[in-house]
Amino acid sequence: MEKLNPGSKRKLKSLAHHLKPVVLIGQKGITESLIKAVDKALSDHELIKLKFIDLKDEKRELTENIVESTGAFHVNTIGNVIILYRNNPEKPDAERIRL
């Protein structure tokens, strides 16, 4: 998987600033239903935030697992919130994020 360039990351961070976390990661950790929820949210929105409620010490490993499972890009981590991006070519052009 290719990486996001710094300019793209900067743009995505600014777009994500006002977003609220759409998926909360609790004590059950990474489950199949959590991966499905993240995948659906990425398909619907392209850019999302996830928040770690529990397992904060393991967030780096869990983030890598989520990124691999969903095919998303890890844009940034701020405290216990991570920002993920995945392009959805099926969305209408007017609704897609342009990098």
C-alpha atoms as a PDB file:
ATOM      1  CA  MET A   1       0.000   0.000   0.000  1.00  0.00           C
ATOM      2  CA  GLU A   2       1.348   3.404  -0.887  1.00  0.00           C
ATOM      3  CA  LYS A   3       1.743   6.186   1.663  1.00  0.00           C
ATOM      4  CA  LEU A   4       0.005   9.543   1.844  1.00  0.00           C
ATOM      5  CA  ASN A   5       2.247  12.476   1.027  1.00  0.00           C
ATOM      6  CA  PRO A   6       2.647  15.243   3.652  1.00  0.00           C
ATOM      7  CA  GLY A   7       0.398  17.663   1.754  1.00  0.00           C
ATOM      8  CA  SER A   8      -2.415  15.121   1.591  1.00  0.00           C
ATOM      9  CA  LYS A   9      -2.051  14.334   5.287  1.00  0.00           C
ATOM     10  CA  ARG A  10      -2.197  18.029   6.138  1.00  0.00           C
ATOM     11  CA  LYS A  11      -5.396  18.459   4.092  1.00  0.00           C
ATOM     12  CA  LEU A  12      -7.019  15.376   5.648  1.00  0.00           C
ATOM     13  CA  LYS A  13      -6.108  16.540   9.167  1.00  0.00           C
ATOM     14  CA  SER A  14      -7.767  19.893   8.529  1.00  0.00           C
ATOM     15  CA  LEU A  15     -10.887  18.202   7.123  1.00  0.00           C
ATOM     16  CA  ALA A  16     -11.047  15.847  10.121  1.00  0.00           C
ATOM     17  CA  HIS A  17     -10.704  18.606  12.700  1.00  0.00           C
ATOM     18  CA  HIS A  18     -14.454  19.129  13.140  1.00  0.00           C
ATOM     19  CA  LEU A  19     -15.412  15.429  12.938  1.00  0.00           C
ATOM     20  CA  LYS A  20     -16.653  13.472  15.926  1.00  0.00           C
ATOM     21  CA  PRO A  21     -15.480   9.872  16.483  1.00  0.00           C
ATOM     22  CA  VAL A  22     -17.848   7.461  14.710  1.00  0.00           C
ATOM     23  CA  VAL A  23     -16.477   4.236  16.215  1.00  0.00           C
ATOM     24  CA  LEU A  24     -15.470   3.695  19.832  1.00  0.00           C
ATOM     25  CA  ILE A  25     -12.991   0.959  20.708  1.00  0.00           C
ATOM     26  CA  GLY A  26     -13.741  -0.569  24.089  1.00  0.00           C
ATOM     27  CA  GLN A  27     -12.502  -3.413  26.221  1.00  0.00           C
ATOM     28  CA  LYS A  28     -13.374  -6.102  23.663  1.00  0.00           C
ATOM     29  CA  GLY A  29     -10.734  -4.659  21.344  1.00  0.00           C
ATOM     30  CA  ILE A  30     -10.700  -5.549  17.665  1.00  0.00           C
ATOM     31  CA  THR A  31     -13.639  -7.780  16.809  1.00  0.00           C
ATOM     32  CA  GLU A  32     -15.162  -8.748  13.488  1.00  0.00           C
ATOM     33  CA  SER A  33     -18.120  -6.437  14.142  1.00  0.00           C
ATOM     34  CA  LEU A  34     -15.775  -3.525  14.910  1.00  0.00           C
ATOM     35  CA  ILE A  35     -13.903  -4.079  11.627  1.00  0.00           C
ATOM     36  CA  LYS A  36     -17.239  -4.197   9.770  1.00  0.00           C
ATOM     37  CA  ALA A  37     -18.336  -0.941  11.454  1.00  0.00           C
ATOM     38  CA  VAL A  38     -15.069   0.789  10.527  1.00  0.00           C
ATOM     39  CA  ASP A  39     -15.280  -0.545   6.959  1.00  0.00           C
ATOM     40  CA  LYS A  40     -18.864   0.732   6.569  1.00  0.00           C
ATOM     41  CA  ALA A  41     -17.986   4.125   8.053  1.00  0.00           C
ATOM     42  CA  LEU A  42     -15.030   4.459   5.654  1.00  0.00           C
ATOM     43  CA  SER A  43     -17.254   3.538   2.698  1.00  0.00           C
ATOM     44  CA  ASP A  44     -19.856   6.091   3.755  1.00  0.00           C
ATOM     45  CA  HIS A  45     -17.576   8.970   4.796  1.00  0.00           C
ATOM     46  CA  GLU A  46     -14.023   8.257   3.482  1.00  0.00           C
ATOM     47  CA  LEU A  47     -12.537  10.167   6.447  1.00  0.00           C
ATOM     48  CA  ILE A  48     -13.356   9.083  10.002  1.00  0.00           C
ATOM     49  CA  LYS A  49     -12.203   9.291  13.586  1.00  0.00           C
ATOM     50  CA  LEU A  50     -11.992   6.364  16.000  1.00  0.00           C
ATOM     51  CA  LYS A  51     -11.653   6.777  19.756  1.00  0.00           C
ATOM     52  CA  PHE A  52     -10.010   4.384  22.188  1.00  0.00           C
ATOM     53  CA  ILE A  53     -12.083   4.138  25.379  1.00  0.00           C
ATOM     54  CA  ASP A  54     -10.066   1.172  26.689  1.00  0.00           C
ATOM     55  CA  LEU A  55      -6.841  -0.548  25.593  1.00  0.00           C
ATOM     56  CA  LYS A  56      -5.096   2.811  25.291  1.00  0.00           C
ATOM     57  CA  ASP A  57      -1.690   1.226  25.900  1.00  0.00           C
ATOM     58  CA  GLU A  58      -2.174  -1.035  22.879  1.00  0.00           C
ATOM     59  CA  LYS A  59      -3.507   1.583  20.460  1.00  0.00           C
ATOM     60  CA  ARG A  60      -0.490   1.495  18.133  1.00  0.00           C
ATOM     61  CA  GLU A  61      -0.775  -2.250  17.501  1.00  0.00           C
ATOM     62  CA  LEU A  62      -4.575  -2.109  17.285  1.00  0.00           C
ATOM     63  CA  THR A  63      -4.421   0.802  14.833  1.00  0.00           C
ATOM     64  CA  GLU A  64      -2.060  -1.181  12.582  1.00  0.00           C
ATOM     65  CA  ASN A  65      -4.465  -4.124  12.735  1.00  0.00           C
ATOM     66  CA  ILE A  66      -7.451  -1.935  11.783  1.00  0.00           C
ATOM     67  CA  VAL A  67      -5.516  -0.308   8.922  1.00  0.00           C
ATOM     68  CA  GLU A  68      -4.488  -3.709   7.521  1.00  0.00           C
ATOM     69  CA  SER A  69      -7.989  -5.145   7.863  1.00  0.00           C
ATOM     70  CA  THR A  70      -9.766  -2.222   6.184  1.00  0.00           C
ATOM     71  CA  GLY A  71      -7.206  -1.079   3.616  1.00  0.00           C
ATOM     72  CA  ALA A  72      -7.315   2.440   5.041  1.00  0.00           C
ATOM     73  CA  PHE A  73      -4.564   4.998   5.537  1.00  0.00           C
ATOM     74  CA  HIS A  74      -3.626   6.082   9.056  1.00  0.00           C
ATOM     75  CA  VAL A  75      -3.638   9.870   8.821  1.00  0.00           C
ATOM     76  CA  ASN A  76      -2.864  10.865  12.406  1.00  0.00           C
ATOM     77  CA  THR A  77      -3.185  10.005  16.086  1.00  0.00           C
ATOM     78  CA  ILE A  78      -4.144  12.699  18.567  1.00  0.00           C
ATOM     79  CA  GLY A  79      -4.242  11.400  22.127  1.00  0.00           C
ATOM     80  CA  ASN A  80      -6.646   8.468  22.066  1.00  0.00           C
ATOM     81  CA  VAL A  81      -8.261   9.410  18.753  1.00  0.00           C
ATOM     82  CA  ILE A  82      -7.064   8.121  15.381  1.00  0.00           C
ATOM     83  CA  ILE A  83      -7.949   9.483  11.960  1.00  0.00           C
ATOM     84  CA  LEU A  84      -8.361   7.057   9.051  1.00  0.00           C
ATOM     85  CA  TYR A  85      -8.916   7.705   5.345  1.00  0.00           C
ATOM     86  CA  ARG A  86      -9.900   5.428   2.499  1.00  0.00           C
ATOM     87  CA  ASN A  87     -10.932   6.630  -0.950  1.00  0.00           C
ATOM     88  CA  ASN A  88     -14.324   5.372  -2.152  1.00  0.00           C
ATOM     89  CA  PRO A  89     -14.438   5.460  -5.979  1.00  0.00           C
ATOM     90  CA  GLU A  90     -18.138   4.530  -5.943  1.00  0.00           C
ATOM     91  CA  LYS A  91     -19.177   7.825  -4.319  1.00  0.00           C
ATOM     92  CA  PRO A  92     -20.360  10.618  -6.628  1.00  0.00           C
ATOM     93  CA  ASP A  93     -17.579  13.044  -7.559  1.00  0.00           C
ATOM     94  CA  ALA A  94     -19.218  15.902  -5.674  1.00  0.00           C
ATOM     95  CA  GLU A  95     -19.072  13.939  -2.394  1.00  0.00           C
ATOM     96  CA  ARG A  96     -15.526  12.535  -2.704  1.00  0.00           C
ATOM     97  CA  ILE A  97     -12.484  13.972  -0.987  1.00  0.00           C
ATOM     98  CA  ARG A  98      -9.980  15.239  -3.523  1.00  0.00           C
ATOM     99  CA  LEU A  99      -6.283  15.015  -2.614  1.00  0.00           C
END
